[in-house]
Amino acid sequence: MKSKKTALYGLLVALAFILSYIETLIPFPVMPGIKIGLANLVVITALYGMGSKEAFVLSLIRIILVGFTFGNLSTMLYSLAGGLLSWLVMVLSKKRKWFSMVGVSVLGGVSHNIGQIIVAILTVNNVYIITYLPILLITGVVTGAFIGLLAALILKRIKNLF
């Protein structure tokens, strides 16, 4: 049973890694830095299918691997801030049963953007970066809803896997 769980972890980390790579290939002409959040599809599916600790481990490993492979220390810092805040907000909102999976995903997308803005303000030491937040919040809602809908569909199909 332990080897099955290890294999599943490896599969999900690889899938999140690949989705992160695919996302780097998708140009987003509206504003730089806006992403769909494809890797979060794996995280939210793991959150509902496996549990909060497992989703945390997957998210953390993915952020570190993607940071070393496609980014640098700065991008890893932004991803960690966004990813960890997103995970925390999703876990709390799921536990409280305040929202559906789509709502939890929207909160994850929005909180990811908030975490990154906080790091940007602290890093650049410029509070005016917050003016970028409304656009990020709108895109966080849209992409979070999209990812949440996809995750709900996927979880229905692979429920036996977990």
C-alpha atoms as a PDB file:
ATOM      1  CA  MET A   1       0.000   0.000   0.000  1.00  0.00           C
ATOM      2  CA  LYS A   2       2.879   2.375   0.800  1.00  0.00           C
ATOM      3  CA  SER A   3       4.417   1.835  -2.641  1.00  0.00           C
ATOM      4  CA  LYS A   4       1.066   2.706  -4.258  1.00  0.00           C
ATOM      5  CA  LYS A   5       0.955   5.981  -2.318  1.00  0.00           C
ATOM      6  CA  THR A   6       4.569   6.782  -3.239  1.00  0.00           C
ATOM      7  CA  ALA A   7       3.834   6.085  -6.908  1.00  0.00           C
ATOM      8  CA  LEU A   8       0.760   8.314  -6.743  1.00  0.00           C
ATOM      9  CA  TYR A   9       2.819  11.143  -5.184  1.00  0.00           C
ATOM     10  CA  GLY A  10       5.403  10.798  -7.944  1.00  0.00           C
ATOM     11  CA  LEU A  11       2.733  10.824 -10.618  1.00  0.00           C
ATOM     12  CA  LEU A  12       1.022  13.923  -9.198  1.00  0.00           C
ATOM     13  CA  VAL A  13       4.301  15.825  -8.731  1.00  0.00           C
ATOM     14  CA  ALA A  14       5.259  15.008 -12.326  1.00  0.00           C
ATOM     15  CA  LEU A  15       1.839  16.096 -13.558  1.00  0.00           C
ATOM     16  CA  ALA A  16       2.016  19.395 -11.639  1.00  0.00           C
ATOM     17  CA  PHE A  17       5.551  19.943 -12.962  1.00  0.00           C
ATOM     18  CA  ILE A  18       4.444  19.329 -16.557  1.00  0.00           C
ATOM     19  CA  LEU A  19       1.424  21.598 -16.172  1.00  0.00           C
ATOM     20  CA  SER A  20       3.708  24.323 -14.812  1.00  0.00           C
ATOM     21  CA  TYR A  21       5.942  23.941 -17.845  1.00  0.00           C
ATOM     22  CA  ILE A  22       2.981  24.051 -20.243  1.00  0.00           C
ATOM     23  CA  GLU A  23       1.828  27.221 -18.535  1.00  0.00           C
ATOM     24  CA  THR A  24       5.163  28.907 -19.269  1.00  0.00           C
ATOM     25  CA  LEU A  25       4.466  28.309 -22.964  1.00  0.00           C
ATOM     26  CA  ILE A  26       1.085  30.059 -22.901  1.00  0.00           C
ATOM     27  CA  PRO A  27       1.451  33.775 -23.594  1.00  0.00           C
ATOM     28  CA  PHE A  28      -0.882  35.992 -21.591  1.00  0.00           C
ATOM     29  CA  PRO A  29      -0.903  39.290 -23.489  1.00  0.00           C
ATOM     30  CA  VAL A  30      -3.155  41.181 -21.059  1.00  0.00           C
ATOM     31  CA  MET A  31      -0.571  41.631 -18.293  1.00  0.00           C
ATOM     32  CA  PRO A  32       2.746  40.101 -17.403  1.00  0.00           C
ATOM     33  CA  GLY A  33       2.737  37.689 -14.498  1.00  0.00           C
ATOM     34  CA  ILE A  34      -0.851  36.501 -14.940  1.00  0.00           C
ATOM     35  CA  LYS A  35      -1.163  32.737 -15.187  1.00  0.00           C
ATOM     36  CA  ILE A  36      -4.005  30.259 -15.404  1.00  0.00           C
ATOM     37  CA  GLY A  37      -2.776  28.201 -12.458  1.00  0.00           C
ATOM     38  CA  LEU A  38      -2.776  24.821 -14.158  1.00  0.00           C
ATOM     39  CA  ALA A  39      -0.562  23.232 -11.491  1.00  0.00           C
ATOM     40  CA  ASN A  40      -3.147  24.197  -8.887  1.00  0.00           C
ATOM     41  CA  LEU A  41      -5.420  21.709 -10.628  1.00  0.00           C
ATOM     42  CA  VAL A  42      -3.257  18.961  -9.119  1.00  0.00           C
ATOM     43  CA  VAL A  43      -3.113  20.646  -5.709  1.00  0.00           C
ATOM     44  CA  ILE A  44      -6.860  21.109  -5.324  1.00  0.00           C
ATOM     45  CA  THR A  45      -7.542  17.605  -6.640  1.00  0.00           C
ATOM     46  CA  ALA A  46      -5.091  16.243  -4.068  1.00  0.00           C
ATOM     47  CA  LEU A  47      -6.660  18.393  -1.346  1.00  0.00           C
ATOM     48  CA  TYR A  48     -10.069  16.839  -1.956  1.00  0.00           C
ATOM     49  CA  GLY A  49      -8.850  13.373  -2.926  1.00  0.00           C
ATOM     50  CA  MET A  50      -5.985  12.776  -0.497  1.00  0.00           C
ATOM     51  CA  GLY A  51      -5.985  15.436   2.217  1.00  0.00           C
ATOM     52  CA  SER A  52      -4.442  18.729   3.253  1.00  0.00           C
ATOM     53  CA  LYS A  53      -0.992  17.397   4.219  1.00  0.00           C
ATOM     54  CA  GLU A  54      -0.613  15.576   0.930  1.00  0.00           C
ATOM     55  CA  ALA A  55      -1.701  18.652  -1.031  1.00  0.00           C
ATOM     56  CA  PHE A  56       0.827  20.736   0.927  1.00  0.00           C
ATOM     57  CA  VAL A  57       3.684  18.338   0.152  1.00  0.00           C
ATOM     58  CA  LEU A  58       2.757  18.220  -3.545  1.00  0.00           C
ATOM     59  CA  SER A  59       2.540  21.992  -3.745  1.00  0.00           C
ATOM     60  CA  LEU A  60       5.837  22.531  -1.956  1.00  0.00           C
ATOM     61  CA  ILE A  61       7.747  19.975  -4.033  1.00  0.00           C
ATOM     62  CA  ARG A  62       6.309  21.373  -7.255  1.00  0.00           C
ATOM     63  CA  ILE A  63       7.204  24.964  -6.339  1.00  0.00           C
ATOM     64  CA  ILE A  64      10.779  23.988  -5.487  1.00  0.00           C
ATOM     65  CA  LEU A  65      11.270  21.859  -8.619  1.00  0.00           C
ATOM     66  CA  VAL A  66       9.745  24.438 -10.954  1.00  0.00           C
ATOM     67  CA  GLY A  67      11.702  27.231  -9.254  1.00  0.00           C
ATOM     68  CA  PHE A  68      15.019  25.478  -9.773  1.00  0.00           C
ATOM     69  CA  THR A  69      14.160  24.351 -13.304  1.00  0.00           C
ATOM     70  CA  PHE A  70      12.388  27.330 -14.890  1.00  0.00           C
ATOM     71  CA  GLY A  71      12.977  30.218 -12.525  1.00  0.00           C
ATOM     72  CA  ASN A  72      15.331  31.625  -9.964  1.00  0.00           C
ATOM     73  CA  LEU A  73      15.349  32.361  -6.249  1.00  0.00           C
ATOM     74  CA  SER A  74      13.148  35.418  -6.734  1.00  0.00           C
ATOM     75  CA  THR A  75      10.441  33.582  -8.670  1.00  0.00           C
ATOM     76  CA  MET A  76      10.599  30.753  -6.138  1.00  0.00           C
ATOM     77  CA  LEU A  77      10.011  33.237  -3.316  1.00  0.00           C
ATOM     78  CA  TYR A  78       6.936  34.660  -5.067  1.00  0.00           C
ATOM     79  CA  SER A  79       5.629  31.169  -5.808  1.00  0.00           C
ATOM     80  CA  LEU A  80       6.187  30.015  -2.234  1.00  0.00           C
ATOM     81  CA  ALA A  81       4.359  33.018  -0.791  1.00  0.00           C
ATOM     82  CA  GLY A  82       1.438  32.616  -3.161  1.00  0.00           C
ATOM     83  CA  GLY A  83       1.345  28.828  -2.968  1.00  0.00           C
ATOM     84  CA  LEU A  84       1.515  28.593   0.818  1.00  0.00           C
ATOM     85  CA  LEU A  85      -1.105  31.287   1.400  1.00  0.00           C
ATOM     86  CA  SER A  86      -3.306  29.700  -1.245  1.00  0.00           C
ATOM     87  CA  TRP A  87      -2.968  26.261   0.368  1.00  0.00           C
ATOM     88  CA  LEU A  88      -3.778  27.651   3.828  1.00  0.00           C
ATOM     89  CA  VAL A  89      -6.873  29.527   2.641  1.00  0.00           C
ATOM     90  CA  MET A  90      -8.112  26.519   0.651  1.00  0.00           C
ATOM     91  CA  VAL A  91      -7.618  24.152   3.603  1.00  0.00           C
ATOM     92  CA  LEU A  92      -9.441  26.471   6.009  1.00  0.00           C
ATOM     93  CA  SER A  93     -12.337  27.146   3.650  1.00  0.00           C
ATOM     94  CA  LYS A  94     -12.685  23.450   2.790  1.00  0.00           C
ATOM     95  CA  LYS A  95     -12.598  22.469   6.459  1.00  0.00           C
ATOM     96  CA  ARG A  96     -15.272  25.032   7.352  1.00  0.00           C
ATOM     97  CA  LYS A  97     -17.383  23.850   4.388  1.00  0.00           C
ATOM     98  CA  TRP A  98     -18.136  27.437   3.472  1.00  0.00           C
ATOM     99  CA  PHE A  99     -17.709  26.909  -0.251  1.00  0.00           C
ATOM    100  CA  SER A 100     -17.902  24.282  -2.965  1.00  0.00           C
ATOM    101  CA  MET A 101     -14.728  23.015  -4.610  1.00  0.00           C
ATOM    102  CA  VAL A 102     -15.054  25.801  -7.173  1.00  0.00           C
ATOM    103  CA  GLY A 103     -15.344  28.404  -4.415  1.00  0.00           C
ATOM    104  CA  VAL A 104     -12.356  26.949  -2.591  1.00  0.00           C
ATOM    105  CA  SER A 105     -10.362  27.106  -5.820  1.00  0.00           C
ATOM    106  CA  VAL A 106     -11.386  30.740  -6.389  1.00  0.00           C
ATOM    107  CA  LEU A 107     -10.223  31.594  -2.879  1.00  0.00           C
ATOM    108  CA  GLY A 108      -6.977  29.769  -3.632  1.00  0.00           C
ATOM    109  CA  GLY A 109      -6.412  31.753  -6.820  1.00  0.00           C
ATOM    110  CA  VAL A 110      -7.177  35.077  -5.174  1.00  0.00           C
ATOM    111  CA  SER A 111      -5.059  34.367  -2.086  1.00  0.00           C
ATOM    112  CA  HIS A 112      -2.175  33.228  -4.295  1.00  0.00           C
ATOM    113  CA  ASN A 113      -2.200  36.643  -5.945  1.00  0.00           C
ATOM    114  CA  ILE A 114      -2.424  38.416  -2.587  1.00  0.00           C
ATOM    115  CA  GLY A 115       0.586  36.463  -1.289  1.00  0.00           C
ATOM    116  CA  GLN A 116       2.614  37.434  -4.319  1.00  0.00           C
ATOM    117  CA  ILE A 117       1.651  41.107  -4.042  1.00  0.00           C
ATOM    118  CA  ILE A 118       2.694  41.126  -0.376  1.00  0.00           C
ATOM    119  CA  VAL A 119       6.106  39.709  -1.305  1.00  0.00           C
ATOM    120  CA  ALA A 120       6.431  42.207  -4.158  1.00  0.00           C
ATOM    121  CA  ILE A 121       5.673  45.140  -1.846  1.00  0.00           C
ATOM    122  CA  LEU A 122       8.213  43.902   0.709  1.00  0.00           C
ATOM    123  CA  THR A 123      10.859  43.048  -1.889  1.00  0.00           C
ATOM    124  CA  VAL A 124      10.657  46.213  -3.961  1.00  0.00           C
ATOM    125  CA  ASN A 125       9.754  48.379  -0.970  1.00  0.00           C
ATOM    126  CA  ASN A 126       7.032  50.110  -2.961  1.00  0.00           C
ATOM    127  CA  VAL A 127       3.473  50.102  -1.643  1.00  0.00           C
ATOM    128  CA  TYR A 128       2.110  51.324  -4.994  1.00  0.00           C
ATOM    129  CA  ILE A 129       2.468  47.801  -6.368  1.00  0.00           C
ATOM    130  CA  ILE A 130      -0.870  47.216  -4.658  1.00  0.00           C
ATOM    131  CA  THR A 131      -2.511  49.062  -7.574  1.00  0.00           C
ATOM    132  CA  TYR A 132      -1.861  45.887  -9.581  1.00  0.00           C
ATOM    133  CA  LEU A 133      -3.993  43.880  -7.120  1.00  0.00           C
ATOM    134  CA  PRO A 134      -7.492  44.577  -8.550  1.00  0.00           C
ATOM    135  CA  ILE A 135      -6.494  43.119 -11.920  1.00  0.00           C
ATOM    136  CA  LEU A 136      -4.894  40.132 -10.202  1.00  0.00           C
ATOM    137  CA  LEU A 137      -8.001  39.585  -8.078  1.00  0.00           C
ATOM    138  CA  ILE A 138     -10.250  39.544 -11.140  1.00  0.00           C
ATOM    139  CA  THR A 139      -7.996  37.088 -12.939  1.00  0.00           C
ATOM    140  CA  GLY A 140      -7.716  35.031  -9.727  1.00  0.00           C
ATOM    141  CA  VAL A 141     -11.494  34.682  -9.602  1.00  0.00           C
ATOM    142  CA  VAL A 142     -11.790  33.725 -13.274  1.00  0.00           C
ATOM    143  CA  THR A 143      -8.885  31.287 -13.357  1.00  0.00           C
ATOM    144  CA  GLY A 144      -9.754  29.905  -9.908  1.00  0.00           C
ATOM    145  CA  ALA A 145     -13.297  29.132 -11.080  1.00  0.00           C
ATOM    146  CA  PHE A 146     -11.964  27.464 -14.228  1.00  0.00           C
ATOM    147  CA  ILE A 147      -9.475  25.326 -12.274  1.00  0.00           C
ATOM    148  CA  GLY A 148     -12.122  24.468  -9.647  1.00  0.00           C
ATOM    149  CA  LEU A 149     -14.579  23.293 -12.307  1.00  0.00           C
ATOM    150  CA  LEU A 150     -11.905  21.166 -13.972  1.00  0.00           C
ATOM    151  CA  ALA A 151     -10.818  19.708 -10.619  1.00  0.00           C
ATOM    152  CA  ALA A 152     -14.403  18.765  -9.742  1.00  0.00           C
ATOM    153  CA  LEU A 153     -14.793  16.987 -13.087  1.00  0.00           C
ATOM    154  CA  ILE A 154     -11.467  15.198 -12.708  1.00  0.00           C
ATOM    155  CA  LEU A 155     -12.179  14.117  -9.142  1.00  0.00           C
ATOM    156  CA  LYS A 156     -15.482  12.555 -10.206  1.00  0.00           C
ATOM    157  CA  ARG A 157     -13.643  10.464 -12.786  1.00  0.00           C
ATOM    158  CA  ILE A 158     -10.690   9.347 -10.646  1.00  0.00           C
ATOM    159  CA  LYS A 159     -12.259   9.056  -7.188  1.00  0.00           C
ATOM    160  CA  ASN A 160     -11.211   5.360  -7.009  1.00  0.00           C
ATOM    161  CA  LEU A 161      -7.552   6.316  -7.484  1.00  0.00           C
ATOM    162  CA  PHE A 162      -7.385   7.880  -4.036  1.00  0.00           C
END
